[in-house]
Amino acid sequence: MLSAVSAGPTLLLGLDFSCAPSQRKPLTLAWGRRAGHAIKLDRVDALPTLAELEALLAPGYPPLAEGFVMACDFPFGLPMPFVDALRVHGPGELPALLADLDDPAKGQAADRLIQALHRHCGNRAGFQQLIDTWGQSWHMDRPPGSKLLHRPTDQAAPGVSSTSPLQTRYVPVGKMYFEGMARLIQADLTLPGLRHGRAQAVAFEAYPGLLAHELLGRRSYKSETDATDERLIARMDLVDALEQGRSRLGLRLKLSPAQRDWLVS
């Protein structure tokens, strides 16, 4: 993957997404530049509204005119058993909207799915209701068991499992899919393996926990919960490893002293 990306744009973006950003908890967008096996962090922006993200990603936005590769920490898809249930047993017009979803002559599947969900659900509360009522008011004969299914990619790495894309509470990554995917498609980004869009505007689904697990194992490092010395030391170790290029990617992160202090804190 590194060799494939190395031929593309050198401008890199990293998006820490929220389905409902605010001044208190904005979207976070990191800007960096790749040169060989080094990545220099330029800045980190706070975006308190989804509209600001839309404006930034829109074709013709001058700072991104050269092209970019962006990593996004939200799911780009849903578990296939849920999608299949929508296609066959879904409420309202969903089965008709999703008919022949795999037929490229009828449009790109990723586009058709998120557009159908927005048309039927209206908003993320409606999407949550669609998931909650699966097996209750639609697809009444669904097999018993948890609704919080995973995609194969969610559990592909040994020892690591991401949250189900159908989770709409606690860590509401399902709502992140509903809001985030629609905006990537609206901006006509290329999502490798999912859709063709602007050739020099590329986005990948990213899971930061995978890299953290590689470098820290099961050590806790996040600062949003309990602030402990152990977590501070873990963050220091994580940044050290990234600066030294000790991950399997072999990429070295270049930081200023102020940036390093900010990341660790």
C-alpha atoms as a PDB file:
ATOM      1  CA  MET A   1       0.000   0.000   0.000  1.00  0.00           C
ATOM      2  CA  LEU A   2       2.844   2.407   0.809  1.00  0.00           C
ATOM      3  CA  SER A   3       4.323   2.023  -2.670  1.00  0.00           C
ATOM      4  CA  ALA A   4       0.927   2.664  -4.249  1.00  0.00           C
ATOM      5  CA  VAL A   5       0.318   5.783  -2.197  1.00  0.00           C
ATOM      6  CA  SER A   6       3.878   7.065  -2.687  1.00  0.00           C
ATOM      7  CA  ALA A   7       3.091   7.738  -6.331  1.00  0.00           C
ATOM      8  CA  GLY A   8       0.180   9.988  -5.383  1.00  0.00           C
ATOM      9  CA  PRO A   9      -0.119  13.395  -3.709  1.00  0.00           C
ATOM     10  CA  THR A  10       2.351  14.270  -0.968  1.00  0.00           C
ATOM     11  CA  LEU A  11      -0.181  16.338   0.998  1.00  0.00           C
ATOM     12  CA  LEU A  12      -1.645  14.195   3.776  1.00  0.00           C
ATOM     13  CA  LEU A  13      -4.685  14.853   5.953  1.00  0.00           C
ATOM     14  CA  GLY A  14      -5.847  13.024   9.047  1.00  0.00           C
ATOM     15  CA  LEU A  15      -9.474  13.500  10.120  1.00  0.00           C
ATOM     16  CA  ASP A  16     -10.643  12.783  13.673  1.00  0.00           C
ATOM     17  CA  PHE A  17     -14.376  12.750  12.962  1.00  0.00           C
ATOM     18  CA  SER A  18     -17.498  13.448  14.986  1.00  0.00           C
ATOM     19  CA  CYS A  19     -21.060  13.102  13.736  1.00  0.00           C
ATOM     20  CA  ALA A  20     -22.078  16.178  15.764  1.00  0.00           C
ATOM     21  CA  PRO A  21     -19.092  18.512  16.141  1.00  0.00           C
ATOM     22  CA  SER A  22     -19.231  21.623  18.302  1.00  0.00           C
ATOM     23  CA  GLN A  23     -16.988  24.340  19.680  1.00  0.00           C
ATOM     24  CA  ARG A  24     -16.350  22.106  22.691  1.00  0.00           C
ATOM     25  CA  LYS A  25     -15.638  18.984  20.636  1.00  0.00           C
ATOM     26  CA  PRO A  26     -14.725  19.976  17.072  1.00  0.00           C
ATOM     27  CA  LEU A  27     -13.551  17.842  14.210  1.00  0.00           C
ATOM     28  CA  THR A  28      -9.761  17.670  14.233  1.00  0.00           C
ATOM     29  CA  LEU A  29      -7.904  17.831  10.929  1.00  0.00           C
ATOM     30  CA  ALA A  30      -4.153  17.252  10.831  1.00  0.00           C
ATOM     31  CA  TRP A  31      -2.172  18.545   7.836  1.00  0.00           C
ATOM     32  CA  GLY A  32       1.143  16.976   6.896  1.00  0.00           C
ATOM     33  CA  ARG A  33       3.557  16.497   4.042  1.00  0.00           C
ATOM     34  CA  ARG A  34       5.274  13.275   2.992  1.00  0.00           C
ATOM     35  CA  ALA A  35       8.845  13.305   1.736  1.00  0.00           C
ATOM     36  CA  GLY A  36      10.185   9.797   1.180  1.00  0.00           C
ATOM     37  CA  HIS A  37       9.755   7.916   4.440  1.00  0.00           C
ATOM     38  CA  ALA A  38       9.246  11.031   6.550  1.00  0.00           C
ATOM     39  CA  ILE A  39       6.004  12.841   7.321  1.00  0.00           C
ATOM     40  CA  LYS A  40       6.198  16.410   8.605  1.00  0.00           C
ATOM     41  CA  LEU A  41       3.233  17.609  10.635  1.00  0.00           C
ATOM     42  CA  ASP A  42       2.373  21.118   9.478  1.00  0.00           C
ATOM     43  CA  ARG A  43      -0.612  21.991  11.652  1.00  0.00           C
ATOM     44  CA  VAL A  44      -3.789  20.720  13.285  1.00  0.00           C
ATOM     45  CA  ASP A  45      -7.066  22.558  12.646  1.00  0.00           C
ATOM     46  CA  ALA A  46     -10.281  22.469  14.679  1.00  0.00           C
ATOM     47  CA  LEU A  47     -13.508  22.430  12.639  1.00  0.00           C
ATOM     48  CA  PRO A  48     -16.549  23.015  14.873  1.00  0.00           C
ATOM     49  CA  THR A  49     -19.141  22.338  12.144  1.00  0.00           C
ATOM     50  CA  LEU A  50     -19.712  19.784   9.411  1.00  0.00           C
ATOM     51  CA  ALA A  51     -20.269  22.685   7.010  1.00  0.00           C
ATOM     52  CA  GLU A  52     -16.621  23.708   7.438  1.00  0.00           C
ATOM     53  CA  LEU A  53     -15.520  20.211   6.463  1.00  0.00           C
ATOM     54  CA  GLU A  54     -17.799  20.299   3.416  1.00  0.00           C
ATOM     55  CA  ALA A  55     -16.317  23.610   2.273  1.00  0.00           C
ATOM     56  CA  LEU A  56     -12.780  22.340   2.734  1.00  0.00           C
ATOM     57  CA  LEU A  57     -13.360  19.138   0.746  1.00  0.00           C
ATOM     58  CA  ALA A  58     -15.295  20.782  -2.074  1.00  0.00           C
ATOM     59  CA  PRO A  59     -13.612  20.691  -5.505  1.00  0.00           C
ATOM     60  CA  GLY A  60     -11.622  23.851  -6.093  1.00  0.00           C
ATOM     61  CA  TYR A  61     -10.692  24.603  -2.466  1.00  0.00           C
ATOM     62  CA  PRO A  62      -7.321  26.338  -3.072  1.00  0.00           C
ATOM     63  CA  PRO A  63      -5.167  24.758  -0.308  1.00  0.00           C
ATOM     64  CA  LEU A  64      -6.093  21.283  -1.602  1.00  0.00           C
ATOM     65  CA  ALA A  65      -5.854  22.021  -5.323  1.00  0.00           C
ATOM     66  CA  GLU A  66      -2.677  19.949  -5.729  1.00  0.00           C
ATOM     67  CA  GLY A  67      -4.443  16.838  -4.473  1.00  0.00           C
ATOM     68  CA  PHE A  68      -4.339  14.981  -1.165  1.00  0.00           C
ATOM     69  CA  VAL A  69      -4.639  11.647   0.603  1.00  0.00           C
ATOM     70  CA  MET A  70      -6.830  11.696   3.717  1.00  0.00           C
ATOM     71  CA  ALA A  71      -7.248   9.161   6.514  1.00  0.00           C
ATOM     72  CA  CYS A  72     -10.651   9.175   8.258  1.00  0.00           C
ATOM     73  CA  ASP A  73     -11.402   7.423  11.545  1.00  0.00           C
ATOM     74  CA  PHE A  74     -14.940   6.308  10.768  1.00  0.00           C
ATOM     75  CA  PRO A  75     -16.292   3.253   8.917  1.00  0.00           C
ATOM     76  CA  PHE A  76     -16.783   3.499   5.164  1.00  0.00           C
ATOM     77  CA  GLY A  77     -19.260   0.618   5.062  1.00  0.00           C
ATOM     78  CA  LEU A  78     -21.772  -1.520   6.942  1.00  0.00           C
ATOM     79  CA  PRO A  79     -21.863  -5.268   7.734  1.00  0.00           C
ATOM     80  CA  MET A  80     -23.164  -7.187   4.723  1.00  0.00           C
ATOM     81  CA  PRO A  81     -25.868  -9.110   6.660  1.00  0.00           C
ATOM     82  CA  PHE A  82     -27.436  -5.745   7.534  1.00  0.00           C
ATOM     83  CA  VAL A  83     -27.152  -4.449   3.963  1.00  0.00           C
ATOM     84  CA  ASP A  84     -28.616  -7.695   2.612  1.00  0.00           C
ATOM     85  CA  ALA A  85     -31.496  -7.422   5.087  1.00  0.00           C
ATOM     86  CA  LEU A  86     -32.216  -3.886   3.868  1.00  0.00           C
ATOM     87  CA  ARG A  87     -32.205  -5.061   0.251  1.00  0.00           C
ATOM     88  CA  VAL A  88     -34.665  -7.905   0.854  1.00  0.00           C
ATOM     89  CA  HIS A  89     -36.654  -7.022   3.976  1.00  0.00           C
ATOM     90  CA  GLY A  90     -36.037  -3.300   4.499  1.00  0.00           C
ATOM     91  CA  PRO A  91     -38.856  -0.900   5.331  1.00  0.00           C
ATOM     92  CA  GLY A  92     -40.419   1.535   2.905  1.00  0.00           C
ATOM     93  CA  GLU A  93     -38.683   2.100  -0.397  1.00  0.00           C
ATOM     94  CA  LEU A  94     -35.289   0.716   0.682  1.00  0.00           C
ATOM     95  CA  PRO A  95     -35.575  -2.621  -1.198  1.00  0.00           C
ATOM     96  CA  ALA A  96     -36.420  -0.745  -4.413  1.00  0.00           C
ATOM     97  CA  LEU A  97     -33.661   1.823  -3.902  1.00  0.00           C
ATOM     98  CA  LEU A  98     -31.113  -0.924  -3.270  1.00  0.00           C
ATOM     99  CA  ALA A  99     -32.208  -3.331  -6.017  1.00  0.00           C
ATOM    100  CA  ASP A 100     -29.300  -4.689  -8.061  1.00  0.00           C
ATOM    101  CA  LEU A 101     -26.865  -2.908  -5.743  1.00  0.00           C
ATOM    102  CA  ASP A 102     -23.951  -4.796  -7.283  1.00  0.00           C
ATOM    103  CA  ASP A 103     -24.785  -3.711 -10.838  1.00  0.00           C
ATOM    104  CA  PRO A 104     -22.252  -0.998 -11.806  1.00  0.00           C
ATOM    105  CA  ALA A 105     -24.547   0.140 -14.600  1.00  0.00           C
ATOM    106  CA  LYS A 106     -26.905   1.481 -11.919  1.00  0.00           C
ATOM    107  CA  GLY A 107     -24.253   3.474 -10.089  1.00  0.00           C
ATOM    108  CA  GLN A 108     -21.540   2.924  -7.528  1.00  0.00           C
ATOM    109  CA  ALA A 109     -22.760   0.741  -4.670  1.00  0.00           C
ATOM    110  CA  ALA A 110     -21.252   2.878  -1.897  1.00  0.00           C
ATOM    111  CA  ASP A 111     -23.015   5.948  -3.286  1.00  0.00           C
ATOM    112  CA  ARG A 112     -26.360   4.222  -3.725  1.00  0.00           C
ATOM    113  CA  LEU A 113     -26.319   2.778  -0.202  1.00  0.00           C
ATOM    114  CA  ILE A 114     -25.642   6.019   1.671  1.00  0.00           C
ATOM    115  CA  GLN A 115     -28.012   7.971  -0.587  1.00  0.00           C
ATOM    116  CA  ALA A 116     -30.795   5.444   0.008  1.00  0.00           C
ATOM    117  CA  LEU A 117     -30.220   5.597   3.765  1.00  0.00           C
ATOM    118  CA  HIS A 118     -30.379   9.396   3.784  1.00  0.00           C
ATOM    119  CA  ARG A 119     -33.520   9.384   1.658  1.00  0.00           C
ATOM    120  CA  HIS A 120     -35.265   6.886   3.932  1.00  0.00           C
ATOM    121  CA  CYS A 121     -33.934   7.955   7.343  1.00  0.00           C
ATOM    122  CA  GLY A 122     -33.663  11.701   6.875  1.00  0.00           C
ATOM    123  CA  ASN A 123     -31.158  12.197   9.678  1.00  0.00           C
ATOM    124  CA  ARG A 124     -28.930  10.243  12.023  1.00  0.00           C
ATOM    125  CA  ALA A 125     -31.756   9.786  14.549  1.00  0.00           C
ATOM    126  CA  GLY A 126     -33.732   8.084  11.802  1.00  0.00           C
ATOM    127  CA  PHE A 127     -30.726   5.885  11.009  1.00  0.00           C
ATOM    128  CA  GLN A 128     -30.478   4.887  14.665  1.00  0.00           C
ATOM    129  CA  GLN A 129     -34.181   3.993  14.613  1.00  0.00           C
ATOM    130  CA  LEU A 130     -33.662   1.873  11.488  1.00  0.00           C
ATOM    131  CA  ILE A 131     -31.024  -0.174  13.302  1.00  0.00           C
ATOM    132  CA  ASP A 132     -32.971  -0.334  16.577  1.00  0.00           C
ATOM    133  CA  THR A 133     -36.121  -1.654  14.875  1.00  0.00           C
ATOM    134  CA  TRP A 134     -34.334  -4.360  12.864  1.00  0.00           C
ATOM    135  CA  GLY A 135     -36.153  -7.542  13.826  1.00  0.00           C
ATOM    136  CA  GLN A 136     -38.951  -5.589  15.559  1.00  0.00           C
ATOM    137  CA  SER A 137     -40.840  -3.624  12.911  1.00  0.00           C
ATOM    138  CA  TRP A 138     -38.991  -4.901   9.838  1.00  0.00           C
ATOM    139  CA  HIS A 139     -37.309  -8.245   8.998  1.00  0.00           C
ATOM    140  CA  MET A 140     -39.259  -9.805  11.837  1.00  0.00           C
ATOM    141  CA  ASP A 141     -37.739 -13.239  11.243  1.00  0.00           C
ATOM    142  CA  ARG A 142     -34.101 -12.115  11.443  1.00  0.00           C
ATOM    143  CA  PRO A 143     -31.844 -14.700  13.100  1.00  0.00           C
ATOM    144  CA  PRO A 144     -31.493 -14.232  16.869  1.00  0.00           C
ATOM    145  CA  GLY A 145     -28.378 -12.599  18.239  1.00  0.00           C
ATOM    146  CA  SER A 146     -26.739  -9.223  18.610  1.00  0.00           C
ATOM    147  CA  LYS A 147     -27.459  -6.508  16.068  1.00  0.00           C
ATOM    148  CA  LEU A 148     -23.999  -5.032  16.578  1.00  0.00           C
ATOM    149  CA  LEU A 149     -22.401  -7.015  13.781  1.00  0.00           C
ATOM    150  CA  HIS A 150     -18.869  -6.497  12.501  1.00  0.00           C
ATOM    151  CA  ARG A 151     -17.377  -6.429   9.046  1.00  0.00           C
ATOM    152  CA  PRO A 152     -14.470  -8.828   8.396  1.00  0.00           C
ATOM    153  CA  THR A 153     -12.103  -5.842   8.313  1.00  0.00           C
ATOM    154  CA  ASP A 154     -13.142  -4.798  11.839  1.00  0.00           C
ATOM    155  CA  GLN A 155     -11.488  -7.901  13.286  1.00  0.00           C
ATOM    156  CA  ALA A 156      -8.875  -8.676  10.648  1.00  0.00           C
ATOM    157  CA  ALA A 157      -5.857  -7.845  12.841  1.00  0.00           C
ATOM    158  CA  PRO A 158      -5.090 -10.306  15.663  1.00  0.00           C
ATOM    159  CA  GLY A 159      -5.824  -8.816  19.064  1.00  0.00           C
ATOM    160  CA  VAL A 160      -7.615  -5.750  17.678  1.00  0.00           C
ATOM    161  CA  SER A 161     -11.333  -5.194  17.120  1.00  0.00           C
ATOM    162  CA  SER A 162     -13.001  -1.940  16.173  1.00  0.00           C
ATOM    163  CA  THR A 163     -16.507  -0.930  17.227  1.00  0.00           C
ATOM    164  CA  SER A 164     -19.399  -2.276  15.161  1.00  0.00           C
ATOM    165  CA  PRO A 165     -20.521   0.137  12.419  1.00  0.00           C
ATOM    166  CA  LEU A 166     -24.060  -0.486  13.690  1.00  0.00           C
ATOM    167  CA  GLN A 167     -23.270   0.992  17.110  1.00  0.00           C
ATOM    168  CA  THR A 168     -25.132   4.303  17.427  1.00  0.00           C
ATOM    169  CA  ARG A 169     -24.646   4.869  21.163  1.00  0.00           C
ATOM    170  CA  TYR A 170     -21.646   5.349  23.450  1.00  0.00           C
ATOM    171  CA  VAL A 171     -19.117   5.467  20.581  1.00  0.00           C
ATOM    172  CA  PRO A 172     -21.631   6.214  17.786  1.00  0.00           C
ATOM    173  CA  VAL A 173     -19.584   5.062  14.809  1.00  0.00           C
ATOM    174  CA  GLY A 174     -22.772   4.154  12.945  1.00  0.00           C
ATOM    175  CA  LYS A 175     -23.802   7.794  13.015  1.00  0.00           C
ATOM    176  CA  MET A 176     -20.269   8.715  11.937  1.00  0.00           C
ATOM    177  CA  TYR A 177     -20.724   6.510   8.883  1.00  0.00           C
ATOM    178  CA  PHE A 178     -24.103   8.122   8.162  1.00  0.00           C
ATOM    179  CA  GLU A 179     -22.746  11.685   8.343  1.00  0.00           C
ATOM    180  CA  GLY A 180     -19.167  11.160   7.178  1.00  0.00           C
ATOM    181  CA  MET A 181     -19.634   8.881   4.189  1.00  0.00           C
ATOM    182  CA  ALA A 182     -22.276  11.157   2.693  1.00  0.00           C
ATOM    183  CA  ARG A 183     -19.850  14.071   2.762  1.00  0.00           C
ATOM    184  CA  LEU A 184     -16.974  12.150   1.192  1.00  0.00           C
ATOM    185  CA  ILE A 185     -19.252  11.149  -1.676  1.00  0.00           C
ATOM    186  CA  GLN A 186     -20.699  14.648  -1.951  1.00  0.00           C
ATOM    187  CA  ALA A 187     -17.121  15.911  -2.401  1.00  0.00           C
ATOM    188  CA  ASP A 188     -16.515  13.190  -5.041  1.00  0.00           C
ATOM    189  CA  LEU A 189     -13.505  11.709  -3.295  1.00  0.00           C
ATOM    190  CA  THR A 190     -11.959   8.478  -4.542  1.00  0.00           C
ATOM    191  CA  LEU A 191     -12.323   5.718  -1.947  1.00  0.00           C
ATOM    192  CA  PRO A 192     -10.085   2.857  -3.140  1.00  0.00           C
ATOM    193  CA  GLY A 193     -12.032  -0.378  -3.392  1.00  0.00           C
ATOM    194  CA  LEU A 194     -15.352   1.426  -2.951  1.00  0.00           C
ATOM    195  CA  ARG A 195     -15.804   4.224  -5.466  1.00  0.00           C
ATOM    196  CA  HIS A 196     -14.093   6.181  -8.220  1.00  0.00           C
ATOM    197  CA  GLY A 197     -14.066   9.947  -7.852  1.00  0.00           C
ATOM    198  CA  ARG A 198     -11.540  12.738  -8.264  1.00  0.00           C
ATOM    199  CA  ALA A 199      -8.231  11.057  -9.041  1.00  0.00           C
ATOM    200  CA  GLN A 200      -6.111  13.322  -6.828  1.00  0.00           C
ATOM    201  CA  ALA A 201      -8.550  13.477  -3.899  1.00  0.00           C
ATOM    202  CA  VAL A 202      -8.281  10.148  -2.095  1.00  0.00           C
ATOM    203  CA  ALA A 203      -9.622   9.022   1.281  1.00  0.00           C
ATOM    204  CA  PHE A 204      -9.009   5.828   3.244  1.00  0.00           C
ATOM    205  CA  GLU A 205     -10.758   4.431   6.291  1.00  0.00           C
ATOM    206  CA  ALA A 206      -8.238   4.547   9.130  1.00  0.00           C
ATOM    207  CA  TYR A 207      -8.199   2.897  12.542  1.00  0.00           C
ATOM    208  CA  PRO A 208      -5.698   4.647  14.859  1.00  0.00           C
ATOM    209  CA  GLY A 209      -6.080   1.903  17.448  1.00  0.00           C
ATOM    210  CA  LEU A 210      -4.365  -0.539  15.084  1.00  0.00           C
ATOM    211  CA  LEU A 211      -1.148   1.487  15.039  1.00  0.00           C
ATOM    212  CA  ALA A 212      -1.369   2.164  18.777  1.00  0.00           C
ATOM    213  CA  HIS A 213      -1.775  -1.574  19.450  1.00  0.00           C
ATOM    214  CA  GLU A 214       1.262  -2.348  17.303  1.00  0.00           C
ATOM    215  CA  LEU A 215       3.435   0.099  19.245  1.00  0.00           C
ATOM    216  CA  LEU A 216       1.945  -0.082  22.764  1.00  0.00           C
ATOM    217  CA  GLY A 217       0.216  -3.434  22.973  1.00  0.00           C
ATOM    218  CA  ARG A 218      -2.761  -3.195  25.321  1.00  0.00           C
ATOM    219  CA  ARG A 219      -1.496  -0.180  27.268  1.00  0.00           C
ATOM    220  CA  SER A 220      -4.100   2.579  27.669  1.00  0.00           C
ATOM    221  CA  TYR A 221      -3.013   5.957  26.323  1.00  0.00           C
ATOM    222  CA  LYS A 222      -6.038   8.189  25.725  1.00  0.00           C
ATOM    223  CA  SER A 223      -6.371  11.375  27.772  1.00  0.00           C
ATOM    224  CA  GLU A 224     -10.138  11.879  27.448  1.00  0.00           C
ATOM    225  CA  THR A 225     -10.884   9.444  30.267  1.00  0.00           C
ATOM    226  CA  ASP A 226      -8.794   9.052  33.417  1.00  0.00           C
ATOM    227  CA  ALA A 227      -5.665  11.209  33.311  1.00  0.00           C
ATOM    228  CA  THR A 228      -2.973   9.023  34.860  1.00  0.00           C
ATOM    229  CA  ASP A 229       0.807   9.031  34.845  1.00  0.00           C
ATOM    230  CA  GLU A 230       0.735   5.634  33.158  1.00  0.00           C
ATOM    231  CA  ARG A 231      -1.291   6.988  30.238  1.00  0.00           C
ATOM    232  CA  LEU A 232       0.948  10.038  29.940  1.00  0.00           C
ATOM    233  CA  ILE A 233       4.007   7.779  29.745  1.00  0.00           C
ATOM    234  CA  ALA A 234       2.237   5.612  27.160  1.00  0.00           C
ATOM    235  CA  ARG A 235       1.562   8.679  24.990  1.00  0.00           C
ATOM    236  CA  MET A 236       5.191   9.732  25.301  1.00  0.00           C
ATOM    237  CA  ASP A 237       6.280   6.244  24.230  1.00  0.00           C
ATOM    238  CA  LEU A 238       3.818   6.298  21.326  1.00  0.00           C
ATOM    239  CA  VAL A 239       5.093   9.634  20.008  1.00  0.00           C
ATOM    240  CA  ASP A 240       8.709   8.466  20.464  1.00  0.00           C
ATOM    241  CA  ALA A 241       7.997   5.382  18.373  1.00  0.00           C
ATOM    242  CA  LEU A 242       6.308   7.424  15.646  1.00  0.00           C
ATOM    243  CA  GLU A 243       9.207   9.872  15.483  1.00  0.00           C
ATOM    244  CA  GLN A 244      11.678   6.998  15.215  1.00  0.00           C
ATOM    245  CA  GLY A 245       9.679   5.178  12.540  1.00  0.00           C
ATOM    246  CA  ARG A 246       9.337   1.985  14.560  1.00  0.00           C
ATOM    247  CA  SER A 247       6.012   0.886  13.043  1.00  0.00           C
ATOM    248  CA  ARG A 248       5.710  -1.631  10.217  1.00  0.00           C
ATOM    249  CA  LEU A 249       5.027   1.324   7.888  1.00  0.00           C
ATOM    250  CA  GLY A 250       8.583   2.555   8.338  1.00  0.00           C
ATOM    251  CA  LEU A 251       7.442   6.192   8.302  1.00  0.00           C
ATOM    252  CA  ARG A 252       9.068   8.758  10.601  1.00  0.00           C
ATOM    253  CA  LEU A 253       6.942  11.567  12.004  1.00  0.00           C
ATOM    254  CA  LYS A 254       8.712  14.941  12.106  1.00  0.00           C
ATOM    255  CA  LEU A 255       7.492  17.263  14.857  1.00  0.00           C
ATOM    256  CA  SER A 256       8.498  20.570  16.351  1.00  0.00           C
ATOM    257  CA  PRO A 257       9.050  20.577  20.141  1.00  0.00           C
ATOM    258  CA  ALA A 258       5.759  22.450  20.599  1.00  0.00           C
ATOM    259  CA  GLN A 259       3.873  19.947  18.448  1.00  0.00           C
ATOM    260  CA  ARG A 260       5.362  17.073  20.386  1.00  0.00           C
ATOM    261  CA  ASP A 261       4.331  18.580  23.727  1.00  0.00           C
ATOM    262  CA  TRP A 262       0.807  19.186  22.410  1.00  0.00           C
ATOM    263  CA  LEU A 263       0.414  15.621  21.144  1.00  0.00           C
ATOM    264  CA  VAL A 264       1.654  14.126  24.399  1.00  0.00           C
ATOM    265  CA  SER A 265      -0.607  16.343  26.508  1.00  0.00           C
END
